[in-house]
PDB file of N, CA and C in Angstrom:
ATOM      1  N   UNK A   1       0.860  -1.169   0.000  1.00  0.00           N
ATOM      2  CA  UNK A   1       0.000   0.000   0.000  1.00  0.00           C
ATOM      3  C   UNK A   1       0.902   1.226   0.000  1.00  0.00           C
ATOM      4  N   UNK A   2       0.812   2.094  -0.996  1.00  0.00           N
ATOM      5  CA  UNK A   2       1.658   3.276  -1.030  1.00  0.00           C
ATOM      6  C   UNK A   2       1.258   4.307   0.021  1.00  0.00           C
ATOM      7  N   UNK A   3       2.273   4.867   0.655  1.00  0.00           N
ATOM      8  CA  UNK A   3       2.093   5.976   1.591  1.00  0.00           C
ATOM      9  C   UNK A   3       3.118   7.015   1.162  1.00  0.00           C
ATOM     10  N   UNK A   4       2.661   8.040   0.459  1.00  0.00           N
ATOM     11  CA  UNK A   4       3.608   8.986  -0.120  1.00  0.00           C
ATOM     12  C   UNK A   4       4.453   8.236  -1.135  1.00  0.00           C
ATOM     13  N   UNK A   5       5.779   8.318  -0.985  1.00  0.00           N
ATOM     14  CA  UNK A   5       6.654   7.565  -1.880  1.00  0.00           C
ATOM     15  C   UNK A   5       7.180   6.302  -1.203  1.00  0.00           C
ATOM     16  N   UNK A   6       6.491   5.864  -0.141  1.00  0.00           N
ATOM     17  CA  UNK A   6       6.855   4.642   0.575  1.00  0.00           C
ATOM     18  C   UNK A   6       5.760   3.598   0.392  1.00  0.00           C
ATOM     19  N   UNK A   7       6.048   2.387   0.804  1.00  0.00           N
ATOM     20  CA  UNK A   7       5.076   1.302   0.694  1.00  0.00           C
ATOM     21  C   UNK A   7       5.063   0.476   1.965  1.00  0.00           C
ATOM     22  N   UNK A   8       3.941  -0.198   2.187  1.00  0.00           N
ATOM     23  CA  UNK A   8       3.802  -1.118   3.308  1.00  0.00           C
ATOM     24  C   UNK A   8       3.579  -2.505   2.726  1.00  0.00           C
ATOM     25  N   UNK A   9       4.340  -3.467   3.202  1.00  0.00           N
ATOM     26  CA  UNK A   9       4.208  -4.853   2.791  1.00  0.00           C
ATOM     27  C   UNK A   9       4.421  -5.721   4.016  1.00  0.00           C
ATOM     28  N   UNK A  10       3.525  -6.645   4.243  1.00  0.00           N
ATOM     29  CA  UNK A  10       3.671  -7.574   5.354  1.00  0.00           C
ATOM     30  C   UNK A  10       4.127  -8.932   4.862  1.00  0.00           C
ATOM     31  N   UNK A  11       4.806  -9.652   5.732  1.00  0.00           N
ATOM     32  CA  UNK A  11       5.168 -11.043   5.477  1.00  0.00           C
ATOM     33  C   UNK A  11       4.550 -11.871   6.583  1.00  0.00           C
ATOM     34  N   UNK A  12       3.881 -12.936   6.210  1.00  0.00           N
ATOM     35  CA  UNK A  12       3.276 -13.826   7.184  1.00  0.00           C
ATOM     36  C   UNK A  12       3.913 -15.199   7.040  1.00  0.00           C
ATOM     37  N   UNK A  13       4.529 -15.672   8.121  1.00  0.00           N
ATOM     38  CA  UNK A  13       5.133 -16.993   8.132  1.00  0.00           C
ATOM     39  C   UNK A  13       4.314 -17.881   9.055  1.00  0.00           C
ATOM     40  N   UNK A  14       3.626 -18.879   8.514  1.00  0.00           N
ATOM     41  CA  UNK A  14       2.764 -19.728   9.340  1.00  0.00           C
ATOM     42  C   UNK A  14       3.566 -20.509  10.379  1.00  0.00           C
ATOM     43  N   UNK A  15       3.070 -20.486  11.602  1.00  0.00           N
ATOM     44  CA  UNK A  15       3.740 -21.193  12.695  1.00  0.00           C
ATOM     45  C   UNK A  15       3.165 -22.595  12.873  1.00  0.00           C
ATOM     46  N   UNK A  16       1.856 -22.722  12.758  1.00  0.00           N
ATOM     47  CA  UNK A  16       1.183 -23.995  12.979  1.00  0.00           C
ATOM     48  C   UNK A  16       0.524 -24.467  11.688  1.00  0.00           C
ATOM     49  N   UNK A  17       0.294 -25.752  11.562  1.00  0.00           N
ATOM     50  CA  UNK A  17      -0.218 -26.335  10.324  1.00  0.00           C
ATOM     51  C   UNK A  17      -1.524 -25.692   9.856  1.00  0.00           C
ATOM     52  N   UNK A  18      -2.485 -25.442  10.766  1.00  0.00           N
ATOM     53  CA  UNK A  18      -3.767 -24.866  10.338  1.00  0.00           C
ATOM     54  C   UNK A  18      -3.612 -23.441   9.827  1.00  0.00           C
ATOM     55  N   UNK A  19      -2.506 -22.797  10.168  1.00  0.00           N
ATOM     56  CA  UNK A  19      -2.274 -21.431   9.709  1.00  0.00           C
ATOM     57  C   UNK A  19      -1.744 -21.381   8.273  1.00  0.00           C
ATOM     58  N   UNK A  20      -1.498 -22.549   7.674  1.00  0.00           N
ATOM     59  CA  UNK A  20      -1.092 -22.601   6.276  1.00  0.00           C
ATOM     60  C   UNK A  20      -2.280 -22.428   5.342  1.00  0.00           C
ATOM     61  N   UNK A  21      -3.488 -22.570   5.846  1.00  0.00           N
ATOM     62  CA  UNK A  21      -4.701 -22.452   5.033  1.00  0.00           C
ATOM     63  C   UNK A  21      -4.913 -20.988   4.656  1.00  0.00           C
ATOM     64  N   UNK A  22      -4.844 -20.698   3.370  1.00  0.00           N
ATOM     65  CA  UNK A  22      -4.951 -19.317   2.883  1.00  0.00           C
ATOM     66  C   UNK A  22      -6.262 -18.666   3.299  1.00  0.00           C
ATOM     67  N   UNK A  23      -7.325 -19.442   3.396  1.00  0.00           N
ATOM     68  CA  UNK A  23      -8.609 -18.872   3.815  1.00  0.00           C
ATOM     69  C   UNK A  23      -8.568 -18.398   5.265  1.00  0.00           C
ATOM     70  N   UNK A  24      -7.840 -19.116   6.126  1.00  0.00           N
ATOM     71  CA  UNK A  24      -7.670 -18.667   7.508  1.00  0.00           C
ATOM     72  C   UNK A  24      -6.883 -17.362   7.560  1.00  0.00           C
ATOM     73  N   UNK A  25      -5.873 -17.257   6.711  1.00  0.00           N
ATOM     74  CA  UNK A  25      -5.067 -16.032   6.655  1.00  0.00           C
ATOM     75  C   UNK A  25      -5.925 -14.869   6.167  1.00  0.00           C
ATOM     76  N   UNK A  26      -6.684 -15.090   5.106  1.00  0.00           N
ATOM     77  CA  UNK A  26      -7.561 -14.036   4.580  1.00  0.00           C
ATOM     78  C   UNK A  26      -8.568 -13.586   5.632  1.00  0.00           C
ATOM     79  N   UNK A  27      -9.143 -14.540   6.359  1.00  0.00           N
ATOM     80  CA  UNK A  27     -10.105 -14.201   7.412  1.00  0.00           C
ATOM     81  C   UNK A  27      -9.453 -13.353   8.502  1.00  0.00           C
ATOM     82  N   UNK A  28      -8.239 -13.722   8.898  1.00  0.00           N
ATOM     83  CA  UNK A  28      -7.532 -12.975   9.944  1.00  0.00           C
ATOM     84  C   UNK A  28      -7.209 -11.556   9.483  1.00  0.00           C
ATOM     85  N   UNK A  29      -6.791 -11.398   8.232  1.00  0.00           N
ATOM     86  CA  UNK A  29      -6.485 -10.067   7.703  1.00  0.00           C
ATOM     87  C   UNK A  29      -7.738  -9.204   7.661  1.00  0.00           C
ATOM     88  N   UNK A  30      -8.830  -9.788   7.226  1.00  0.00           N
ATOM     89  CA  UNK A  30     -10.096  -9.053   7.169  1.00  0.00           C
ATOM     90  C   UNK A  30     -10.556  -8.662   8.572  1.00  0.00           C
ATOM     91  N   UNK A  31     -10.472  -9.600   9.506  1.00  0.00           N
ATOM     92  CA  UNK A  31     -10.886  -9.348  10.890  1.00  0.00           C
ATOM     93  C   UNK A  31     -10.088  -8.206  11.511  1.00  0.00           C
ATOM     94  N   UNK A  32      -8.803  -8.133  11.169  1.00  0.00           N
ATOM     95  CA  UNK A  32      -7.921  -7.103  11.731  1.00  0.00           C
ATOM     96  C   UNK A  32      -7.874  -5.847  10.865  1.00  0.00           C
ATOM     97  N   UNK A  33      -8.664  -5.832   9.795  1.00  0.00           N
ATOM     98  CA  UNK A  33      -8.749  -4.699   8.870  1.00  0.00           C
ATOM     99  C   UNK A  33      -7.390  -4.338   8.268  1.00  0.00           C
ATOM    100  N   UNK A  34      -6.620  -5.345   7.946  1.00  0.00           N
ATOM    101  CA  UNK A  34      -5.319  -5.149   7.303  1.00  0.00           C
ATOM    102  C   UNK A  34      -5.550  -5.093   5.802  1.00  0.00           C
ATOM    103  N   UNK A  35      -5.225  -3.948   5.209  1.00  0.00           N
ATOM    104  CA  UNK A  35      -5.497  -3.740   3.788  1.00  0.00           C
ATOM    105  C   UNK A  35      -4.233  -3.706   2.931  1.00  0.00           C
ATOM    106  N   UNK A  36      -3.069  -3.659   3.543  1.00  0.00           N
ATOM    107  CA  UNK A  36      -1.838  -3.656   2.757  1.00  0.00           C
ATOM    108  C   UNK A  36      -1.514  -5.092   2.314  1.00  0.00           C
ATOM    109  N   UNK A  37      -0.701  -5.240   1.267  1.00  0.00           N
ATOM    110  CA  UNK A  37      -0.361  -6.580   0.782  1.00  0.00           C
ATOM    111  C   UNK A  37       0.407  -7.381   1.836  1.00  0.00           C
ATOM    112  N   UNK A  38       0.091  -8.651   1.931  1.00  0.00           N
ATOM    113  CA  UNK A  38       0.784  -9.552   2.852  1.00  0.00           C
ATOM    114  C   UNK A  38       1.236 -10.779   2.060  1.00  0.00           C
ATOM    115  N   UNK A  39       2.540 -11.002   2.032  1.00  0.00           N
ATOM    116  CA  UNK A  39       3.105 -12.172   1.360  1.00  0.00           C
ATOM    117  C   UNK A  39       3.087 -13.349   2.328  1.00  0.00           C
ATOM    118  N   UNK A  40       2.700 -14.514   1.843  1.00  0.00           N
ATOM    119  CA  UNK A  40       2.679 -15.721   2.657  1.00  0.00           C
ATOM    120  C   UNK A  40       4.030 -16.418   2.489  1.00  0.00           C
ATOM    121  N   UNK A  41       4.800 -16.457   3.561  1.00  0.00           N
ATOM    122  CA  UNK A  41       6.158 -17.004   3.541  1.00  0.00           C
ATOM    123  C   UNK A  41       6.154 -18.456   4.031  1.00  0.00           C
ATOM    124  N   UNK A  42       5.394 -19.309   3.368  1.00  0.00           N
ATOM    125  CA  UNK A  42       5.235 -20.692   3.827  1.00  0.00           C
ATOM    126  C   UNK A  42       6.506 -21.529   3.667  1.00  0.00           C
ATOM    127  N   UNK A  43       7.438 -21.080   2.847  1.00  0.00           N
ATOM    128  CA  UNK A  43       8.707 -21.794   2.694  1.00  0.00           C
ATOM    129  C   UNK A  43       9.812 -21.181   3.556  1.00  0.00           C
ATOM    130  N   UNK A  44       9.439 -20.187   4.378  1.00  0.00           N
ATOM    131  CA  UNK A  44      10.353 -19.558   5.341  1.00  0.00           C
ATOM    132  C   UNK A  44      11.530 -18.844   4.671  1.00  0.00           C
ATOM    133  N   UNK A  45      11.351 -18.362   3.460  1.00  0.00           N
ATOM    134  CA  UNK A  45      12.443 -17.682   2.764  1.00  0.00           C
ATOM    135  C   UNK A  45      12.760 -16.328   3.390  1.00  0.00           C
ATOM    136  N   UNK A  46      11.736 -15.499   3.622  1.00  0.00           N
ATOM    137  CA  UNK A  46      11.966 -14.205   4.278  1.00  0.00           C
ATOM    138  C   UNK A  46      12.404 -14.432   5.722  1.00  0.00           C
ATOM    139  N   UNK A  47      11.767 -15.387   6.378  1.00  0.00           N
ATOM    140  CA  UNK A  47      12.109 -15.740   7.762  1.00  0.00           C
ATOM    141  C   UNK A  47      13.608 -16.020   7.870  1.00  0.00           C
ATOM    142  N   UNK A  48      14.136 -16.839   6.976  1.00  0.00           N
ATOM    143  CA  UNK A  48      15.553 -17.189   6.994  1.00  0.00           C
ATOM    144  C   UNK A  48      16.429 -16.019   6.567  1.00  0.00           C
ATOM    145  N   UNK A  49      15.983 -15.253   5.578  1.00  0.00           N
ATOM    146  CA  UNK A  49      16.777 -14.117   5.100  1.00  0.00           C
ATOM    147  C   UNK A  49      17.012 -13.094   6.210  1.00  0.00           C
ATOM    148  N   UNK A  50      16.006 -12.921   7.079  1.00  0.00           N
ATOM    149  CA  UNK A  50      16.136 -11.981   8.196  1.00  0.00           C
ATOM    150  C   UNK A  50      16.608 -12.664   9.472  1.00  0.00           C
ATOM    151  N   UNK A  51      16.991 -13.929   9.374  1.00  0.00           N
ATOM    152  CA  UNK A  51      17.490 -14.704  10.510  1.00  0.00           C
ATOM    153  C   UNK A  51      16.533 -14.631  11.698  1.00  0.00           C
ATOM    154  N   UNK A  52      15.264 -14.739  11.401  1.00  0.00           N
ATOM    155  CA  UNK A  52      14.235 -14.654  12.430  1.00  0.00           C
ATOM    156  C   UNK A  52      14.135 -15.963  13.204  1.00  0.00           C
ATOM    157  N   UNK A  53      13.737 -15.843  14.496  1.00  0.00           N
ATOM    158  CA  UNK A  53      13.522 -17.023  15.324  1.00  0.00           C
ATOM    159  C   UNK A  53      12.282 -16.880  16.198  1.00  0.00           C
ATOM    160  N   UNK A  54      11.509 -15.799  16.038  1.00  0.00           N
ATOM    161  CA  UNK A  54      10.429 -15.512  16.974  1.00  0.00           C
ATOM    162  C   UNK A  54       9.128 -15.151  16.271  1.00  0.00           C
ATOM    163  N   UNK A  55       8.022 -15.466  16.915  1.00  0.00           N
ATOM    164  CA  UNK A  55       6.670 -15.046  16.515  1.00  0.00           C
ATOM    165  C   UNK A  55       6.084 -14.252  17.662  1.00  0.00           C
ATOM    166  N   UNK A  56       5.479 -13.148  17.454  1.00  0.00           N
ATOM    167  CA  UNK A  56       5.609 -12.295  16.274  1.00  0.00           C
ATOM    168  C   UNK A  56       6.918 -11.516  16.319  1.00  0.00           C
ATOM    169  N   UNK A  57       7.346 -11.078  15.175  1.00  0.00           N
ATOM    170  CA  UNK A  57       8.585 -10.313  15.061  1.00  0.00           C
ATOM    171  C   UNK A  57       8.353  -9.231  14.017  1.00  0.00           C
ATOM    172  N   UNK A  58       8.572  -7.991  14.406  1.00  0.00           N
ATOM    173  CA  UNK A  58       8.332  -6.858  13.516  1.00  0.00           C
ATOM    174  C   UNK A  58       9.652  -6.229  13.115  1.00  0.00           C
ATOM    175  N   UNK A  59       9.864  -6.139  11.809  1.00  0.00           N
ATOM    176  CA  UNK A  59      11.004  -5.420  11.256  1.00  0.00           C
ATOM    177  C   UNK A  59      10.452  -4.247  10.461  1.00  0.00           C
ATOM    178  N   UNK A  60      11.060  -3.087  10.593  1.00  0.00           N
ATOM    179  CA  UNK A  60      10.739  -1.950   9.733  1.00  0.00           C
ATOM    180  C   UNK A  60      11.997  -1.597   8.955  1.00  0.00           C
ATOM    181  N   UNK A  61      11.825  -1.439   7.655  1.00  0.00           N
ATOM    182  CA  UNK A  61      12.951  -1.084   6.793  1.00  0.00           C
ATOM    183  C   UNK A  61      12.722   0.308   6.223  1.00  0.00           C
ATOM    184  N   UNK A  62      13.814   1.029   6.008  1.00  0.00           N
ATOM    185  CA  UNK A  62      13.692   2.351   5.394  1.00  0.00           C
ATOM    186  C   UNK A  62      13.634   2.209   3.877  1.00  0.00           C
ATOM    187  N   UNK A  63      13.635   3.325   3.187  1.00  0.00           N
ATOM    188  CA  UNK A  63      13.505   3.310   1.719  1.00  0.00           C
ATOM    189  C   UNK A  63      14.656   2.581   1.025  1.00  0.00           C
ATOM    190  N   UNK A  64      15.800   2.527   1.694  1.00  0.00           N
ATOM    191  CA  UNK A  64      16.955   1.841   1.125  1.00  0.00           C
ATOM    192  C   UNK A  64      16.950   0.350   1.448  1.00  0.00           C
ATOM    193  N   UNK A  65      15.993  -0.090   2.264  1.00  0.00           N
ATOM    194  CA  UNK A  65      15.893  -1.499   2.623  1.00  0.00           C
ATOM    195  C   UNK A  65      16.636  -1.882   3.886  1.00  0.00           C
ATOM    196  N   UNK A  66      17.261  -0.913   4.550  1.00  0.00           N
ATOM    197  CA  UNK A  66      17.981  -1.199   5.792  1.00  0.00           C
ATOM    198  C   UNK A  66      16.989  -1.320   6.953  1.00  0.00           C
ATOM    199  N   UNK A  67      17.205  -2.294   7.821  1.00  0.00           N
ATOM    200  CA  UNK A  67      16.354  -2.479   8.996  1.00  0.00           C
ATOM    201  C   UNK A  67      16.609  -1.330   9.968  1.00  0.00           C
ATOM    202  N   UNK A  68      15.542  -0.588  10.304  1.00  0.00           N
ATOM    203  CA  UNK A  68      15.663   0.548  11.217  1.00  0.00           C
ATOM    204  C   UNK A  68      14.921   0.301  12.531  1.00  0.00           C
ATOM    205  N   UNK A  69      14.202  -0.804  12.610  1.00  0.00           N
ATOM    206  CA  UNK A  69      13.461  -1.139  13.828  1.00  0.00           C
ATOM    207  C   UNK A  69      13.278  -2.642  13.857  1.00  0.00           C
ATOM    208  N   UNK A  70      13.489  -3.214  15.033  1.00  0.00           N
ATOM    209  CA  UNK A  70      13.423  -4.660  15.197  1.00  0.00           C
ATOM    210  C   UNK A  70      12.789  -4.925  16.552  1.00  0.00           C
ATOM    211  N   UNK A  71      11.573  -5.481  16.548  1.00  0.00           N
ATOM    212  CA  UNK A  71      10.876  -5.712  17.814  1.00  0.00           C
ATOM    213  C   UNK A  71      10.277  -7.114  17.850  1.00  0.00           C
ATOM    214  N   UNK A  72      10.497  -7.790  18.954  1.00  0.00           N
ATOM    215  CA  UNK A  72       9.927  -9.114  19.185  1.00  0.00           C
ATOM    216  C   UNK A  72       8.766  -8.962  20.152  1.00  0.00           C
ATOM    217  N   UNK A  73       7.622  -9.532  19.803  1.00  0.00           N
ATOM    218  CA  UNK A  73       6.460  -9.487  20.688  1.00  0.00           C
ATOM    219  C   UNK A  73       5.364  -8.595  20.151  1.00  0.00           C
ATOM    220  N   UNK A  74       4.272  -8.538  20.913  1.00  0.00           N
ATOM    221  CA  UNK A  74       3.087  -7.816  20.457  1.00  0.00           C
ATOM    222  C   UNK A  74       2.910  -6.449  21.101  1.00  0.00           C
ATOM    223  N   UNK A  75       3.789  -6.057  21.975  1.00  0.00           N
ATOM    224  CA  UNK A  75       3.615  -4.766  22.643  1.00  0.00           C
ATOM    225  C   UNK A  75       4.444  -3.692  21.942  1.00  0.00           C
ATOM    226  N   UNK A  76       4.648  -2.577  22.588  1.00  0.00           N
ATOM    227  CA  UNK A  76       5.451  -1.462  22.054  1.00  0.00           C
ATOM    228  C   UNK A  76       4.790  -0.789  20.858  1.00  0.00           C
ATOM    229  N   UNK A  77       3.460  -0.697  20.878  1.00  0.00           N
ATOM    230  CA  UNK A  77       2.738  -0.095  19.756  1.00  0.00           C
ATOM    231  C   UNK A  77       3.090   1.381  19.573  1.00  0.00           C
ATOM    232  N   UNK A  78       3.213   2.128  20.657  1.00  0.00           N
ATOM    233  CA  UNK A  78       3.540   3.558  20.557  1.00  0.00           C
ATOM    234  C   UNK A  78       4.935   3.743  19.964  1.00  0.00           C
ATOM    235  N   UNK A  79       5.884   2.949  20.420  1.00  0.00           N
ATOM    236  CA  UNK A  79       7.252   3.025  19.906  1.00  0.00           C
ATOM    237  C   UNK A  79       7.291   2.648  18.419  1.00  0.00           C
ATOM    238  N   UNK A  80       6.534   1.632  18.056  1.00  0.00           N
ATOM    239  CA  UNK A  80       6.468   1.214  16.656  1.00  0.00           C
ATOM    240  C   UNK A  80       5.888   2.320  15.787  1.00  0.00           C
ATOM    241  N   UNK A  81       4.790   2.919  16.235  1.00  0.00           N
ATOM    242  CA  UNK A  81       4.174   4.003  15.460  1.00  0.00           C
ATOM    243  C   UNK A  81       5.130   5.180  15.315  1.00  0.00           C
ATOM    244  N   UNK A  82       5.834   5.510  16.386  1.00  0.00           N
ATOM    245  CA  UNK A  82       6.787   6.617  16.336  1.00  0.00           C
ATOM    246  C   UNK A  82       7.880   6.330  15.292  1.00  0.00           C
ATOM    247  N   UNK A  83       8.358   5.109  15.259  1.00  0.00           N
ATOM    248  CA  UNK A  83       9.393   4.746  14.290  1.00  0.00           C
ATOM    249  C   UNK A  83       8.852   4.792  12.867  1.00  0.00           C
ATOM    250  N   UNK A  84       7.621   4.320  12.668  1.00  0.00           N
ATOM    251  CA  UNK A  84       7.006   4.378  11.336  1.00  0.00           C
ATOM    252  C   UNK A  84       6.918   5.823  10.863  1.00  0.00           C
ATOM    253  N   UNK A  85       6.458   6.704  11.728  1.00  0.00           N
ATOM    254  CA  UNK A  85       6.345   8.123  11.359  1.00  0.00           C
ATOM    255  C   UNK A  85       7.710   8.708  11.007  1.00  0.00           C
ATOM    256  N   UNK A  86       8.730   8.327  11.769  1.00  0.00           N
ATOM    257  CA  UNK A  86      10.083   8.822  11.516  1.00  0.00           C
ATOM    258  C   UNK A  86      10.592   8.319  10.157  1.00  0.00           C
ATOM    259  N   UNK A  87      10.372   7.036   9.873  1.00  0.00           N
ATOM    260  CA  UNK A  87      10.828   6.459   8.606  1.00  0.00           C
ATOM    261  C   UNK A  87      10.118   7.109   7.423  1.00  0.00           C
ATOM    262  N   UNK A  88       8.815   7.367   7.584  1.00  0.00           N
ATOM    263  CA  UNK A  88       8.055   7.987   6.499  1.00  0.00           C
ATOM    264  C   UNK A  88       8.421   9.452   6.313  1.00  0.00           C
ATOM    265  N   UNK A  89       9.010  10.051   7.376  1.00  0.00           N
ATOM    266  CA  UNK A  89       9.507  11.412   7.350  1.00  0.00           C
ATOM    267  C   UNK A  89       8.559  12.404   6.847  1.00  0.00           C
TER     268      UNK A  89
END
């Protein structure tokens, strides 16, 4: 989803077998009102590329693709929003 000259893209890596069902993923995105594109990383390619080991794990990258924020867990929403605003400048 474009925001100015930036974009938002999510990656979803299924943790449990039932989470591999694309319909379950679509339902979860709709329920959470997520409208930006989400890639399904069922082969763990992005997971491995970012050397991830945790669920959930949030990475924010700047326009050059460098990781500028790395957070494990579901909290820190205010800090995450502040970083997003800073990256979008």
